[in-house]
């Protein structure tokens, strides 16, 4: 039994896991402070507009994280299904 393919897949998984950092703020969001951003738009803390601004930023961040997770999963599946391509 040849263990080279298994070792290659295990090594690739290790490399991919090192690149992945879950719950990191995606680059698209810029890591901005939601409070500062919403207040800079002129919304007073606690106002309905401020609450909506914070909710919108949370939804955007969640969507960006979901997209990043999906891309990472798709890449892993592609690598498993195409071990002959680098």
N, C-alpha and C. Protein backbone atom coordinates (compact mmCIF):
# COMPACT_ATOMS: atom_id res chain seq x y z
N UNK A 1 0.85 -1.19 0.00
CA UNK A 1 0.00 0.00 0.00
C UNK A 1 0.89 1.24 0.00
N UNK A 2 0.61 2.14 -0.91
CA UNK A 2 1.41 3.34 -1.07
C UNK A 2 0.79 4.46 -0.21
N UNK A 3 1.57 4.99 0.69
CA UNK A 3 1.04 6.01 1.61
C UNK A 3 1.34 7.42 1.14
N UNK A 4 2.01 7.58 -0.01
CA UNK A 4 2.34 8.93 -0.49
C UNK A 4 1.11 9.78 -0.77
N UNK A 5 0.07 9.26 -1.44
CA UNK A 5 -1.11 10.10 -1.67
C UNK A 5 -1.77 10.55 -0.36
N UNK A 6 -1.82 9.65 0.61
CA UNK A 6 -2.42 10.00 1.89
C UNK A 6 -1.61 11.10 2.57
N UNK A 7 -0.29 10.96 2.56
CA UNK A 7 0.57 11.98 3.17
C UNK A 7 0.44 13.32 2.46
N UNK A 8 0.31 13.29 1.14
CA UNK A 8 0.17 14.53 0.38
C UNK A 8 -1.13 15.24 0.75
N UNK A 9 -2.21 14.48 0.87
CA UNK A 9 -3.50 15.07 1.24
C UNK A 9 -3.46 15.60 2.66
N UNK A 10 -2.86 14.84 3.56
CA UNK A 10 -2.76 15.29 4.95
C UNK A 10 -1.92 16.56 5.04
N UNK A 11 -0.83 16.61 4.29
CA UNK A 11 0.04 17.79 4.30
C UNK A 11 -0.70 19.00 3.73
N UNK A 12 -1.45 18.79 2.63
CA UNK A 12 -2.22 19.89 2.04
C UNK A 12 -3.27 20.40 3.03
N UNK A 13 -3.91 19.49 3.74
CA UNK A 13 -4.89 19.91 4.75
C UNK A 13 -4.25 20.72 5.86
N UNK A 14 -3.07 20.31 6.26
CA UNK A 14 -2.35 21.04 7.31
C UNK A 14 -2.00 22.44 6.85
N UNK A 15 -1.54 22.55 5.61
CA UNK A 15 -1.19 23.86 5.06
C UNK A 15 -2.43 24.76 4.98
N UNK A 16 -3.54 24.20 4.49
CA UNK A 16 -4.77 24.99 4.38
C UNK A 16 -5.28 25.43 5.74
N UNK A 17 -5.17 24.56 6.72
CA UNK A 17 -5.66 24.94 8.05
C UNK A 17 -4.81 26.05 8.66
N UNK A 18 -3.55 26.10 8.30
CA UNK A 18 -2.69 27.16 8.82
C UNK A 18 -3.06 28.51 8.21
N UNK A 19 -3.56 28.49 6.99
CA UNK A 19 -3.94 29.74 6.31
C UNK A 19 -5.29 30.24 6.78
N UNK A 20 -6.08 29.37 7.32
CA UNK A 20 -7.43 29.72 7.71
C UNK A 20 -7.48 30.19 9.15
N UNK A 21 -8.07 31.32 9.37
CA UNK A 21 -8.27 31.83 10.72
C UNK A 21 -9.75 32.19 10.85
N UNK A 22 -10.49 31.36 11.49
CA UNK A 22 -11.92 31.58 11.61
C UNK A 22 -12.21 32.77 12.52
N UNK A 23 -13.32 33.38 12.26
CA UNK A 23 -13.84 34.51 13.04
C UNK A 23 -12.94 35.73 12.96
N UNK A 24 -12.19 35.82 11.88
CA UNK A 24 -11.42 37.02 11.63
C UNK A 24 -12.30 37.96 10.82
N UNK A 25 -12.18 39.25 11.05
CA UNK A 25 -12.96 40.19 10.28
C UNK A 25 -12.47 40.16 8.85
N UNK A 26 -13.35 39.91 7.89
CA UNK A 26 -12.93 39.88 6.49
C UNK A 26 -12.35 41.22 6.06
N UNK A 27 -11.45 41.19 5.11
CA UNK A 27 -10.78 42.39 4.65
C UNK A 27 -11.78 43.39 4.08
N UNK A 28 -12.85 42.90 3.48
CA UNK A 28 -13.84 43.77 2.87
C UNK A 28 -14.46 44.72 3.89
N UNK A 29 -14.52 44.31 5.15
CA UNK A 29 -15.11 45.16 6.18
C UNK A 29 -14.09 46.16 6.71
N UNK A 30 -12.83 45.93 6.47
CA UNK A 30 -11.80 46.87 6.89
C UNK A 30 -11.51 46.87 8.37
N UNK A 31 -12.17 46.05 9.15
CA UNK A 31 -11.92 46.01 10.58
C UNK A 31 -12.34 47.28 11.30
N UNK A 32 -13.20 48.07 10.68
CA UNK A 32 -13.64 49.33 11.28
C UNK A 32 -14.46 49.08 12.53
N UNK A 33 -14.42 50.04 13.41
CA UNK A 33 -15.24 50.01 14.62
C UNK A 33 -16.65 50.43 14.24
N UNK A 34 -17.60 49.53 14.41
CA UNK A 34 -18.98 49.81 14.00
C UNK A 34 -19.53 51.06 14.68
N UNK A 35 -19.26 51.21 15.95
CA UNK A 35 -19.75 52.37 16.68
C UNK A 35 -19.23 53.66 16.07
N UNK A 36 -17.93 53.70 15.80
CA UNK A 36 -17.34 54.91 15.23
C UNK A 36 -17.88 55.19 13.83
N UNK A 37 -18.06 54.14 13.03
CA UNK A 37 -18.57 54.33 11.67
C UNK A 37 -19.99 54.88 11.69
N UNK A 38 -20.84 54.29 12.50
CA UNK A 38 -22.24 54.74 12.55
C UNK A 38 -22.36 56.14 13.13
N UNK A 39 -21.55 56.45 14.12
CA UNK A 39 -21.60 57.80 14.67
C UNK A 39 -21.03 58.82 13.70
N UNK A 40 -20.03 58.41 12.89
CA UNK A 40 -19.47 59.34 11.91
C UNK A 40 -20.46 59.65 10.80
N UNK A 41 -21.45 58.80 10.63
CA UNK A 41 -22.50 59.06 9.65
C UNK A 41 -23.57 59.99 10.21
N UNK A 42 -23.40 60.41 11.45
CA UNK A 42 -24.32 61.37 12.05
C UNK A 42 -25.45 60.76 12.84
N UNK A 43 -25.38 59.48 13.10
CA UNK A 43 -26.43 58.81 13.87
C UNK A 43 -26.08 58.87 15.34
N UNK A 44 -27.03 59.32 16.15
CA UNK A 44 -26.83 59.36 17.59
C UNK A 44 -26.97 57.96 18.17
N UNK A 45 -26.09 57.62 19.11
CA UNK A 45 -26.13 56.29 19.72
C UNK A 45 -27.50 56.05 20.34
N UNK A 46 -28.09 54.92 19.98
CA UNK A 46 -29.40 54.56 20.51
C UNK A 46 -30.56 54.94 19.61
N UNK A 47 -30.32 55.79 18.61
CA UNK A 47 -31.41 56.19 17.70
C UNK A 47 -31.74 55.02 16.77
N UNK A 48 -32.94 55.03 16.20
CA UNK A 48 -33.31 53.95 15.27
C UNK A 48 -32.36 53.84 14.08
N UNK A 49 -31.86 54.99 13.59
CA UNK A 49 -30.92 54.97 12.47
C UNK A 49 -29.61 54.32 12.88
N UNK A 50 -29.16 54.62 14.09
CA UNK A 50 -27.91 54.03 14.62
C UNK A 50 -28.06 52.52 14.75
N UNK A 51 -29.18 52.08 15.29
CA UNK A 51 -29.43 50.64 15.45
C UNK A 51 -29.46 49.96 14.09
N UNK A 52 -30.11 50.59 13.11
CA UNK A 52 -30.17 50.02 11.76
C UNK A 52 -28.78 49.96 11.14
N UNK A 53 -27.98 51.00 11.36
CA UNK A 53 -26.61 51.03 10.84
C UNK A 53 -25.80 49.88 11.42
N UNK A 54 -25.89 49.69 12.74
CA UNK A 54 -25.14 48.59 13.39
C UNK A 54 -25.62 47.24 12.88
N UNK A 55 -26.92 47.09 12.68
CA UNK A 55 -27.47 45.82 12.19
C UNK A 55 -26.99 45.57 10.76
N UNK A 56 -27.02 46.60 9.92
CA UNK A 56 -26.56 46.44 8.54
C UNK A 56 -25.09 46.02 8.48
N UNK A 57 -24.27 46.63 9.32
CA UNK A 57 -22.84 46.26 9.34
C UNK A 57 -22.65 44.84 9.84
N UNK A 58 -23.47 44.42 10.78
CA UNK A 58 -23.37 43.05 11.28
C UNK A 58 -23.77 42.05 10.19
N UNK A 59 -24.83 42.38 9.44
CA UNK A 59 -25.27 41.51 8.35
C UNK A 59 -24.19 41.44 7.27
N UNK A 60 -23.58 42.57 6.93
CA UNK A 60 -22.51 42.58 5.94
C UNK A 60 -21.33 41.72 6.38
N UNK A 61 -20.95 41.84 7.63
CA UNK A 61 -19.83 41.07 8.17
C UNK A 61 -20.16 39.58 8.15
N UNK A 62 -21.36 39.24 8.53
CA UNK A 62 -21.78 37.83 8.53
C UNK A 62 -21.78 37.26 7.11
N UNK A 63 -22.26 38.05 6.16
CA UNK A 63 -22.28 37.60 4.77
C UNK A 63 -20.86 37.41 4.23
N UNK A 64 -19.97 38.32 4.56
CA UNK A 64 -18.58 38.21 4.11
C UNK A 64 -17.92 36.98 4.72
N UNK A 65 -18.19 36.71 5.98
CA UNK A 65 -17.63 35.52 6.64
C UNK A 65 -18.17 34.25 6.01
N UNK A 66 -19.46 34.23 5.71
CA UNK A 66 -20.08 33.07 5.06
C UNK A 66 -19.47 32.83 3.69
N UNK A 67 -19.27 33.91 2.91
CA UNK A 67 -18.66 33.76 1.59
C UNK A 67 -17.23 33.23 1.70
N UNK A 68 -16.47 33.74 2.66
CA UNK A 68 -15.08 33.28 2.84
C UNK A 68 -15.05 31.82 3.25
N UNK A 69 -15.94 31.42 4.15
CA UNK A 69 -16.00 30.01 4.56
C UNK A 69 -16.37 29.12 3.38
N UNK A 70 -17.32 29.57 2.55
CA UNK A 70 -17.75 28.79 1.40
C UNK A 70 -16.60 28.64 0.40
N UNK A 71 -15.86 29.72 0.14
CA UNK A 71 -14.71 29.64 -0.77
C UNK A 71 -13.65 28.68 -0.24
N UNK A 72 -13.39 28.73 1.05
CA UNK A 72 -12.40 27.83 1.64
C UNK A 72 -12.86 26.38 1.51
N UNK A 73 -14.12 26.12 1.78
CA UNK A 73 -14.66 24.76 1.67
C UNK A 73 -14.61 24.27 0.22
N UNK A 74 -14.99 25.15 -0.72
CA UNK A 74 -14.95 24.78 -2.13
C UNK A 74 -13.53 24.47 -2.60
N UNK A 75 -12.57 25.25 -2.13
CA UNK A 75 -11.18 24.99 -2.49
C UNK A 75 -10.72 23.64 -1.96
N UNK A 76 -11.07 23.34 -0.72
CA UNK A 76 -10.71 22.05 -0.13
C UNK A 76 -11.33 20.89 -0.89
N UNK A 77 -12.60 21.04 -1.27
CA UNK A 77 -13.26 19.98 -2.03
C UNK A 77 -12.64 19.83 -3.41
N UNK A 78 -12.30 20.94 -4.04
CA UNK A 78 -11.65 20.87 -5.35
C UNK A 78 -10.32 20.13 -5.24
N UNK A 79 -9.55 20.46 -4.22
CA UNK A 79 -8.24 19.82 -4.05
C UNK A 79 -8.39 18.33 -3.79
N UNK A 80 -9.41 17.94 -3.05
CA UNK A 80 -9.62 16.51 -2.80
C UNK A 80 -10.08 15.78 -4.06
N UNK A 81 -10.89 16.45 -4.88
CA UNK A 81 -11.42 15.82 -6.09
C UNK A 81 -10.46 15.88 -7.27
N UNK A 82 -9.43 16.72 -7.19
CA UNK A 82 -8.46 16.87 -8.28
C UNK A 82 -7.04 16.79 -7.72
N UNK A 83 -6.64 15.65 -7.16
CA UNK A 83 -5.30 15.55 -6.56
C UNK A 83 -4.18 15.61 -7.60
N UNK A 84 -4.51 15.44 -8.88
CA UNK A 84 -3.48 15.46 -9.91
C UNK A 84 -3.13 16.86 -10.38
N UNK A 85 -3.91 17.85 -9.99
CA UNK A 85 -3.66 19.25 -10.39
C UNK A 85 -3.14 20.03 -9.20
N UNK A 86 -2.11 20.83 -9.44
CA UNK A 86 -1.57 21.63 -8.32
C UNK A 86 -2.44 22.80 -7.97
